[in-house]
Amino acid sequence: MKEIYFLTGLPRSGNTLLGAIINQNPNLNLTANSILTETIYQLHLLKYNNFFKNFPDYDSLDNIIKNVFNNYYKNWKAKFIIDRSVWGTPANLELLKSIIKKPKFIILYRPVLECLASFIKIEKPKDIRKKCHELMQEEGILGKSLWSIKNIIKEKENYISIKYLDLIKNPIKEINKIYEFLNIDKFNHVFKKFNDFSANNVKYQDNVLSAPFHTIRTNQIKLNKYKIGDYLPADIIKQYSNLDI
């Protein structure tokens, strides 16, 4: 039986780097962006389908939902799994807690404007303002992640917070915080010349995306310094400057 924990992090806040380090431990795996929030949600929606209502076998459908994690991760070798997704949004959190009563969350955080600037820096969209608004809307990848994080804090769930800058400056300390929080034996991780992110022998295929979002520096952990104003217009900076936790 796997032990499942959860990470909700802002995109461009070090998720891939954290996973590349954590996944050196064969007994602990951090996932890529998980499909299981959507899987569980879509299974739950079947309860409102007329075919189901015609023969409402709730127990059998709930058996599928409650065993999603065990079935999905059945062939993963690691005993401990950190599933990364927007588990903290109200609907996802409610569904999750119907399966795991007291989930543990890791929040990976970076200031919102830094995340936005990082997106623009790597993707280089023609319309920067439009792209920023798309990212920050409620169902946008940044907006939904921020909503997830804030709701975990609001609901006083069991969580620890890892800041991107702290992860870069002192990765050993921040990784050890995770082990202590999850009550898992520590592992002797490598922080220089390590492998790219992979999980269950699968790697990201960024050729299907608009930019290489999951490329990381693997020779060393180092802060990539740049000015937010070089990538974000002043009105975007003003609009999204007061959203941080």
C-alpha atoms as a PDB file:
ATOM      1  CA  MET A   1       0.000   0.000   0.000  1.00  0.00           C
ATOM      2  CA  LYS A   2       1.430   3.363  -1.062  1.00  0.00           C
ATOM      3  CA  GLU A   3       1.494   6.354   1.242  1.00  0.00           C
ATOM      4  CA  ILE A   4       0.309   9.401  -0.678  1.00  0.00           C
ATOM      5  CA  TYR A   5       1.168  13.015   0.094  1.00  0.00           C
ATOM      6  CA  PHE A   6       0.466  16.149  -1.903  1.00  0.00           C
ATOM      7  CA  LEU A   7       2.340  19.094  -3.355  1.00  0.00           C
ATOM      8  CA  THR A   8       0.697  22.221  -4.670  1.00  0.00           C
ATOM      9  CA  GLY A   9       3.216  24.682  -6.033  1.00  0.00           C
ATOM     10  CA  LEU A  10       3.068  27.734  -8.205  1.00  0.00           C
ATOM     11  CA  PRO A  11       4.308  26.972 -11.736  1.00  0.00           C
ATOM     12  CA  ARG A  12       7.852  28.274 -12.311  1.00  0.00           C
ATOM     13  CA  SER A  13       8.599  27.975  -8.584  1.00  0.00           C
ATOM     14  CA  GLY A  14      10.993  25.019  -8.700  1.00  0.00           C
ATOM     15  CA  ASN A  15       8.619  22.060  -8.984  1.00  0.00           C
ATOM     16  CA  THR A  16      10.734  20.269 -11.603  1.00  0.00           C
ATOM     17  CA  LEU A  17      13.964  20.953  -9.729  1.00  0.00           C
ATOM     18  CA  LEU A  18      12.464  19.709  -6.462  1.00  0.00           C
ATOM     19  CA  GLY A  19      11.233  16.566  -8.200  1.00  0.00           C
ATOM     20  CA  ALA A  20      14.617  15.894  -9.814  1.00  0.00           C
ATOM     21  CA  ILE A  21      16.220  15.976  -6.364  1.00  0.00           C
ATOM     22  CA  ILE A  22      13.516  14.087  -4.452  1.00  0.00           C
ATOM     23  CA  ASN A  23      13.302  11.342  -7.081  1.00  0.00           C
ATOM     24  CA  GLN A  24      16.907  10.355  -6.500  1.00  0.00           C
ATOM     25  CA  ASN A  25      15.420   8.459  -3.557  1.00  0.00           C
ATOM     26  CA  PRO A  26      14.000   5.183  -4.929  1.00  0.00           C
ATOM     27  CA  ASN A  27      11.605   5.015  -1.989  1.00  0.00           C
ATOM     28  CA  LEU A  28      10.098   8.501  -2.455  1.00  0.00           C
ATOM     29  CA  ASN A  29       8.776   9.934  -5.721  1.00  0.00           C
ATOM     30  CA  LEU A  30       7.389  13.368  -6.524  1.00  0.00           C
ATOM     31  CA  THR A  31       5.154  13.281  -9.593  1.00  0.00           C
ATOM     32  CA  ALA A  32       4.913  15.508 -12.614  1.00  0.00           C
ATOM     33  CA  ASN A  33       1.740  17.587 -12.910  1.00  0.00           C
ATOM     34  CA  SER A  34      -0.778  14.934 -11.910  1.00  0.00           C
ATOM     35  CA  ILE A  35      -3.862  13.961 -13.902  1.00  0.00           C
ATOM     36  CA  LEU A  36      -5.534  12.536 -10.809  1.00  0.00           C
ATOM     37  CA  THR A  37      -7.381  15.690  -9.741  1.00  0.00           C
ATOM     38  CA  GLU A  38      -9.187  15.655 -13.081  1.00  0.00           C
ATOM     39  CA  THR A  39      -9.596  11.860 -13.015  1.00  0.00           C
ATOM     40  CA  ILE A  40     -11.289  11.893  -9.627  1.00  0.00           C
ATOM     41  CA  TYR A  41     -13.411  14.907 -10.546  1.00  0.00           C
ATOM     42  CA  GLN A  42     -14.657  13.289 -13.759  1.00  0.00           C
ATOM     43  CA  LEU A  43     -15.484  10.072 -11.918  1.00  0.00           C
ATOM     44  CA  HIS A  44     -17.415  12.113  -9.362  1.00  0.00           C
ATOM     45  CA  LEU A  45     -19.396  13.815 -12.147  1.00  0.00           C
ATOM     46  CA  LEU A  46     -20.750  10.418 -13.208  1.00  0.00           C
ATOM     47  CA  LYS A  47     -23.022  10.612 -10.179  1.00  0.00           C
ATOM     48  CA  TYR A  48     -24.978  13.319 -11.999  1.00  0.00           C
ATOM     49  CA  ASN A  49     -25.252  11.311 -15.222  1.00  0.00           C
ATOM     50  CA  ASN A  50     -28.709   9.969 -16.097  1.00  0.00           C
ATOM     51  CA  PHE A  51     -27.301   6.512 -16.827  1.00  0.00           C
ATOM     52  CA  PHE A  52     -25.963   6.417 -13.285  1.00  0.00           C
ATOM     53  CA  LYS A  53     -29.126   7.897 -11.787  1.00  0.00           C
ATOM     54  CA  ASN A  54     -31.086   5.165 -13.524  1.00  0.00           C
ATOM     55  CA  PHE A  55     -29.122   2.612 -11.470  1.00  0.00           C
ATOM     56  CA  PRO A  56     -27.463   4.595  -8.657  1.00  0.00           C
ATOM     57  CA  ASP A  57     -24.863   2.161  -7.336  1.00  0.00           C
ATOM     58  CA  TYR A  58     -22.916   4.661  -5.235  1.00  0.00           C
ATOM     59  CA  ASP A  59     -20.884   2.082  -3.345  1.00  0.00           C
ATOM     60  CA  SER A  60     -19.412   0.570  -6.505  1.00  0.00           C
ATOM     61  CA  LEU A  61     -18.531   3.933  -8.046  1.00  0.00           C
ATOM     62  CA  ASP A  62     -17.051   5.126  -4.758  1.00  0.00           C
ATOM     63  CA  ASN A  63     -14.879   1.996  -4.723  1.00  0.00           C
ATOM     64  CA  ILE A  64     -13.310   3.165  -7.985  1.00  0.00           C
ATOM     65  CA  ILE A  65     -12.792   6.695  -6.678  1.00  0.00           C
ATOM     66  CA  LYS A  66     -11.320   5.579  -3.352  1.00  0.00           C
ATOM     67  CA  ASN A  67      -8.862   3.258  -5.081  1.00  0.00           C
ATOM     68  CA  VAL A  68      -7.679   5.679  -7.755  1.00  0.00           C
ATOM     69  CA  PHE A  69      -4.367   6.389  -6.013  1.00  0.00           C
ATOM     70  CA  ASN A  70      -3.556   2.745  -5.302  1.00  0.00           C
ATOM     71  CA  ASN A  71      -4.430   1.683  -8.836  1.00  0.00           C
ATOM     72  CA  TYR A  72      -2.602   4.526 -10.563  1.00  0.00           C
ATOM     73  CA  TYR A  73       0.579   4.073  -8.544  1.00  0.00           C
ATOM     74  CA  LYS A  74       0.425   0.273  -8.363  1.00  0.00           C
ATOM     75  CA  ASN A  75       3.503  -0.253 -10.546  1.00  0.00           C
ATOM     76  CA  TRP A  76       5.580   2.565  -9.084  1.00  0.00           C
ATOM     77  CA  LYS A  77       8.470   1.142  -7.059  1.00  0.00           C
ATOM     78  CA  ALA A  78       8.500   3.904  -4.444  1.00  0.00           C
ATOM     79  CA  LYS A  79       6.529   3.353  -1.262  1.00  0.00           C
ATOM     80  CA  PHE A  80       5.950   7.078  -0.717  1.00  0.00           C
ATOM     81  CA  ILE A  81       4.386   9.272  -3.409  1.00  0.00           C
ATOM     82  CA  ILE A  82       4.054  13.055  -3.443  1.00  0.00           C
ATOM     83  CA  ASP A  83       1.300  13.818  -5.953  1.00  0.00           C
ATOM     84  CA  ARG A  84       1.633  17.283  -7.448  1.00  0.00           C
ATOM     85  CA  SER A  85      -1.532  19.104  -8.479  1.00  0.00           C
ATOM     86  CA  VAL A  86      -4.013  21.811  -7.479  1.00  0.00           C
ATOM     87  CA  TRP A  87      -5.400  19.695  -4.637  1.00  0.00           C
ATOM     88  CA  GLY A  88      -6.282  22.711  -2.521  1.00  0.00           C
ATOM     89  CA  THR A  89      -9.101  24.213  -4.588  1.00  0.00           C
ATOM     90  CA  PRO A  90     -12.397  23.790  -2.708  1.00  0.00           C
ATOM     91  CA  ALA A  91     -13.827  21.065  -4.980  1.00  0.00           C
ATOM     92  CA  ASN A  92     -10.566  19.125  -5.201  1.00  0.00           C
ATOM     93  CA  LEU A  93      -9.951  19.399  -1.478  1.00  0.00           C
ATOM     94  CA  GLU A  94     -13.428  18.112  -0.648  1.00  0.00           C
ATOM     95  CA  LEU A  95     -13.042  15.138  -2.990  1.00  0.00           C
ATOM     96  CA  LEU A  96      -9.537  14.396  -1.731  1.00  0.00           C
ATOM     97  CA  LYS A  97     -10.664  14.372   1.896  1.00  0.00           C
ATOM     98  CA  SER A  98     -13.411  11.905   1.030  1.00  0.00           C
ATOM     99  CA  ILE A  99     -10.540   9.525   0.157  1.00  0.00           C
ATOM    100  CA  ILE A 100      -7.751  10.566   2.536  1.00  0.00           C
ATOM    101  CA  LYS A 101      -9.129  12.045   5.739  1.00  0.00           C
ATOM    102  CA  LYS A 102      -6.030  13.925   6.889  1.00  0.00           C
ATOM    103  CA  PRO A 103      -3.856  14.696   3.857  1.00  0.00           C
ATOM    104  CA  LYS A 104      -0.444  16.317   4.200  1.00  0.00           C
ATOM    105  CA  PHE A 105       0.435  19.154   1.837  1.00  0.00           C
ATOM    106  CA  ILE A 106       3.713  20.670   0.701  1.00  0.00           C
ATOM    107  CA  ILE A 107       3.353  24.204  -0.641  1.00  0.00           C
ATOM    108  CA  LEU A 108       6.094  25.352  -2.998  1.00  0.00           C
ATOM    109  CA  TYR A 109       5.963  29.105  -3.352  1.00  0.00           C
ATOM    110  CA  ARG A 110       7.563  31.903  -5.314  1.00  0.00           C
ATOM    111  CA  PRO A 111       6.292  35.494  -5.588  1.00  0.00           C
ATOM    112  CA  VAL A 112       3.572  35.720  -8.236  1.00  0.00           C
ATOM    113  CA  LEU A 113       5.294  38.403 -10.317  1.00  0.00           C
ATOM    114  CA  GLU A 114       8.474  36.321 -10.475  1.00  0.00           C
ATOM    115  CA  CYS A 115       6.450  33.361 -11.740  1.00  0.00           C
ATOM    116  CA  LEU A 116       4.731  35.526 -14.347  1.00  0.00           C
ATOM    117  CA  ALA A 117       8.034  36.989 -15.505  1.00  0.00           C
ATOM    118  CA  SER A 118       9.529  33.508 -15.752  1.00  0.00           C
ATOM    119  CA  PHE A 119       6.649  32.387 -17.982  1.00  0.00           C
ATOM    120  CA  ILE A 120       7.094  35.387 -20.263  1.00  0.00           C
ATOM    121  CA  LYS A 121      10.876  34.978 -20.334  1.00  0.00           C
ATOM    122  CA  ILE A 122      10.722  31.371 -21.533  1.00  0.00           C
ATOM    123  CA  GLU A 123       7.591  31.465 -23.730  1.00  0.00           C
ATOM    124  CA  LYS A 124       8.088  34.887 -25.327  1.00  0.00           C
ATOM    125  CA  PRO A 125       4.408  35.429 -26.269  1.00  0.00           C
ATOM    126  CA  LYS A 126       3.488  38.070 -28.819  1.00  0.00           C
ATOM    127  CA  ASP A 127       0.858  39.590 -26.510  1.00  0.00           C
ATOM    128  CA  ILE A 128       2.382  39.702 -23.033  1.00  0.00           C
ATOM    129  CA  ARG A 129      -0.637  41.251 -21.336  1.00  0.00           C
ATOM    130  CA  LYS A 130      -3.055  38.710 -22.796  1.00  0.00           C
ATOM    131  CA  LYS A 131      -0.799  35.846 -21.730  1.00  0.00           C
ATOM    132  CA  CYS A 132      -0.490  37.178 -18.177  1.00  0.00           C
ATOM    133  CA  HIS A 133      -4.252  37.511 -17.841  1.00  0.00           C
ATOM    134  CA  GLU A 134      -4.735  33.974 -19.170  1.00  0.00           C
ATOM    135  CA  LEU A 135      -2.253  32.617 -16.650  1.00  0.00           C
ATOM    136  CA  MET A 136      -3.832  34.505 -13.754  1.00  0.00           C
ATOM    137  CA  GLN A 137      -7.524  33.843 -14.377  1.00  0.00           C
ATOM    138  CA  GLU A 138      -9.281  31.441 -11.995  1.00  0.00           C
ATOM    139  CA  GLU A 139      -8.813  28.447 -14.309  1.00  0.00           C
ATOM    140  CA  GLY A 140      -5.408  29.618 -15.531  1.00  0.00           C
ATOM    141  CA  ILE A 141      -2.377  27.605 -14.525  1.00  0.00           C
ATOM    142  CA  LEU A 142      -1.047  30.286 -12.167  1.00  0.00           C
ATOM    143  CA  GLY A 143      -4.385  31.557 -10.894  1.00  0.00           C
ATOM    144  CA  LYS A 144      -5.679  28.092 -10.048  1.00  0.00           C
ATOM    145  CA  SER A 145      -2.441  27.127  -8.314  1.00  0.00           C
ATOM    146  CA  LEU A 146      -2.546  30.298  -6.225  1.00  0.00           C
ATOM    147  CA  TRP A 147      -6.191  29.590  -5.354  1.00  0.00           C
ATOM    148  CA  SER A 148      -5.218  26.068  -4.320  1.00  0.00           C
ATOM    149  CA  ILE A 149      -2.433  27.301  -2.047  1.00  0.00           C
ATOM    150  CA  LYS A 150      -4.504  30.024  -0.418  1.00  0.00           C
ATOM    151  CA  ASN A 151      -7.381  27.649   0.272  1.00  0.00           C
ATOM    152  CA  ILE A 152      -5.096  25.109   1.963  1.00  0.00           C
ATOM    153  CA  ILE A 153      -3.905  27.897   4.257  1.00  0.00           C
ATOM    154  CA  LYS A 154      -7.429  29.255   4.769  1.00  0.00           C
ATOM    155  CA  GLU A 155      -8.799  25.818   5.696  1.00  0.00           C
ATOM    156  CA  LYS A 156      -5.892  25.268   8.108  1.00  0.00           C
ATOM    157  CA  GLU A 157      -4.859  22.020   6.503  1.00  0.00           C
ATOM    158  CA  ASN A 158      -1.709  20.184   7.565  1.00  0.00           C
ATOM    159  CA  TYR A 159       1.025  21.747   5.427  1.00  0.00           C
ATOM    160  CA  ILE A 160       4.566  23.062   5.256  1.00  0.00           C
ATOM    161  CA  SER A 161       5.696  25.860   2.982  1.00  0.00           C
ATOM    162  CA  ILE A 162       8.899  25.764   0.942  1.00  0.00           C
ATOM    163  CA  LYS A 163      10.023  29.037  -0.635  1.00  0.00           C
ATOM    164  CA  TYR A 164      11.697  28.915  -4.034  1.00  0.00           C
ATOM    165  CA  LEU A 165      14.575  31.168  -2.960  1.00  0.00           C
ATOM    166  CA  ASP A 166      15.227  29.026   0.134  1.00  0.00           C
ATOM    167  CA  LEU A 167      15.238  25.887  -2.013  1.00  0.00           C
ATOM    168  CA  ILE A 168      17.856  27.437  -4.298  1.00  0.00           C
ATOM    169  CA  LYS A 169      20.026  28.838  -1.495  1.00  0.00           C
ATOM    170  CA  ASN A 170      19.897  25.883   0.889  1.00  0.00           C
ATOM    171  CA  PRO A 171      18.423  22.809  -0.804  1.00  0.00           C
ATOM    172  CA  ILE A 172      19.675  20.389   1.847  1.00  0.00           C
ATOM    173  CA  LYS A 173      17.790  22.209   4.600  1.00  0.00           C
ATOM    174  CA  GLU A 174      14.563  22.467   2.595  1.00  0.00           C
ATOM    175  CA  ILE A 175      14.652  18.825   1.454  1.00  0.00           C
ATOM    176  CA  ASN A 176      15.211  17.725   5.056  1.00  0.00           C
ATOM    177  CA  LYS A 177      12.173  19.770   6.103  1.00  0.00           C
ATOM    178  CA  ILE A 178      10.095  17.662   3.747  1.00  0.00           C
ATOM    179  CA  TYR A 179      11.442  14.402   5.154  1.00  0.00           C
ATOM    180  CA  GLU A 180      10.771  15.558   8.692  1.00  0.00           C
ATOM    181  CA  PHE A 181       7.251  16.714   7.833  1.00  0.00           C
ATOM    182  CA  LEU A 182       6.390  13.407   6.150  1.00  0.00           C
ATOM    183  CA  ASN A 183       8.189  11.405   8.857  1.00  0.00           C
ATOM    184  CA  ILE A 184      10.261   9.536   6.272  1.00  0.00           C
ATOM    185  CA  ASP A 185      13.890   8.451   6.673  1.00  0.00           C
ATOM    186  CA  LYS A 186      16.260  10.942   5.059  1.00  0.00           C
ATOM    187  CA  PHE A 187      18.251  10.176   1.930  1.00  0.00           C
ATOM    188  CA  ASN A 188      21.711  11.275   0.835  1.00  0.00           C
ATOM    189  CA  HIS A 189      20.770  13.409  -2.161  1.00  0.00           C
ATOM    190  CA  VAL A 190      23.132  14.792  -4.788  1.00  0.00           C
ATOM    191  CA  PHE A 191      22.898  18.523  -5.504  1.00  0.00           C
ATOM    192  CA  LYS A 192      25.485  18.782  -8.291  1.00  0.00           C
ATOM    193  CA  LYS A 193      25.561  16.858 -11.576  1.00  0.00           C
ATOM    194  CA  PHE A 194      22.222  15.142 -11.049  1.00  0.00           C
ATOM    195  CA  ASN A 195      19.728  13.753 -13.572  1.00  0.00           C
ATOM    196  CA  ASP A 196      16.819  15.529 -15.204  1.00  0.00           C
ATOM    197  CA  PHE A 197      13.354  15.009 -13.772  1.00  0.00           C
ATOM    198  CA  SER A 198      11.791  11.610 -14.334  1.00  0.00           C
ATOM    199  CA  ALA A 199       9.215   9.564 -12.450  1.00  0.00           C
ATOM    200  CA  ASN A 200       8.372   5.912 -12.961  1.00  0.00           C
ATOM    201  CA  ASN A 201      10.935   5.952 -15.821  1.00  0.00           C
ATOM    202  CA  VAL A 202       8.893   8.581 -17.697  1.00  0.00           C
ATOM    203  CA  LYS A 203      10.190  12.032 -18.708  1.00  0.00           C
ATOM    204  CA  TYR A 204       8.459  15.227 -19.761  1.00  0.00           C
ATOM    205  CA  GLN A 205       7.770  15.618 -23.490  1.00  0.00           C
ATOM    206  CA  ASP A 206       7.882  19.404 -23.766  1.00  0.00           C
ATOM    207  CA  ASN A 207       7.699  19.295 -27.555  1.00  0.00           C
ATOM    208  CA  VAL A 208       3.897  19.215 -27.142  1.00  0.00           C
ATOM    209  CA  LEU A 209       3.993  22.528 -25.247  1.00  0.00           C
ATOM    210  CA  SER A 210       4.698  26.076 -26.358  1.00  0.00           C
ATOM    211  CA  ALA A 211       8.114  26.195 -24.665  1.00  0.00           C
ATOM    212  CA  PRO A 212      10.609  23.960 -22.791  1.00  0.00           C
ATOM    213  CA  PHE A 213       9.066  24.616 -19.384  1.00  0.00           C
ATOM    214  CA  HIS A 214      10.712  21.650 -17.636  1.00  0.00           C
ATOM    215  CA  THR A 215      14.324  22.192 -18.617  1.00  0.00           C
ATOM    216  CA  ILE A 216      16.475  22.625 -15.521  1.00  0.00           C
ATOM    217  CA  ARG A 217      20.129  23.207 -14.770  1.00  0.00           C
ATOM    218  CA  THR A 218      21.494  19.854 -13.539  1.00  0.00           C
ATOM    219  CA  ASN A 219      25.174  20.667 -13.063  1.00  0.00           C
ATOM    220  CA  GLN A 220      24.431  22.846 -10.041  1.00  0.00           C
ATOM    221  CA  ILE A 221      21.604  24.615  -8.225  1.00  0.00           C
ATOM    222  CA  LYS A 222      21.909  28.307  -8.913  1.00  0.00           C
ATOM    223  CA  LEU A 223      19.602  31.317  -8.927  1.00  0.00           C
ATOM    224  CA  ASN A 224      18.933  32.711 -12.394  1.00  0.00           C
ATOM    225  CA  LYS A 225      18.802  36.451 -11.744  1.00  0.00           C
ATOM    226  CA  TYR A 226      16.786  38.826 -13.897  1.00  0.00           C
ATOM    227  CA  LYS A 227      14.608  41.904 -13.472  1.00  0.00           C
ATOM    228  CA  ILE A 228      10.818  41.480 -13.477  1.00  0.00           C
ATOM    229  CA  GLY A 229      10.474  44.817 -15.257  1.00  0.00           C
ATOM    230  CA  ASP A 230      12.439  43.491 -18.210  1.00  0.00           C
ATOM    231  CA  TYR A 231       9.597  41.046 -18.947  1.00  0.00           C
ATOM    232  CA  LEU A 232       6.396  42.471 -17.453  1.00  0.00           C
ATOM    233  CA  PRO A 233       4.710  45.781 -18.368  1.00  0.00           C
ATOM    234  CA  ALA A 234       4.177  48.276 -15.560  1.00  0.00           C
ATOM    235  CA  ASP A 235       0.391  47.861 -15.574  1.00  0.00           C
ATOM    236  CA  ILE A 236       0.697  44.076 -15.187  1.00  0.00           C
ATOM    237  CA  ILE A 237       3.104  44.542 -12.293  1.00  0.00           C
ATOM    238  CA  LYS A 238       0.650  46.923 -10.640  1.00  0.00           C
ATOM    239  CA  GLN A 239      -2.378  44.685 -11.213  1.00  0.00           C
ATOM    240  CA  TYR A 240      -0.828  41.506  -9.791  1.00  0.00           C
ATOM    241  CA  SER A 241       1.498  42.972  -7.142  1.00  0.00           C
ATOM    242  CA  ASN A 242      -0.692  42.322  -4.088  1.00  0.00           C
ATOM    243  CA  LEU A 243      -1.636  38.662  -4.486  1.00  0.00           C
ATOM    244  CA  ASP A 244       1.136  36.945  -2.558  1.00  0.00           C
ATOM    245  CA  ILE A 245       0.485  34.881   0.548  1.00  0.00           C
END
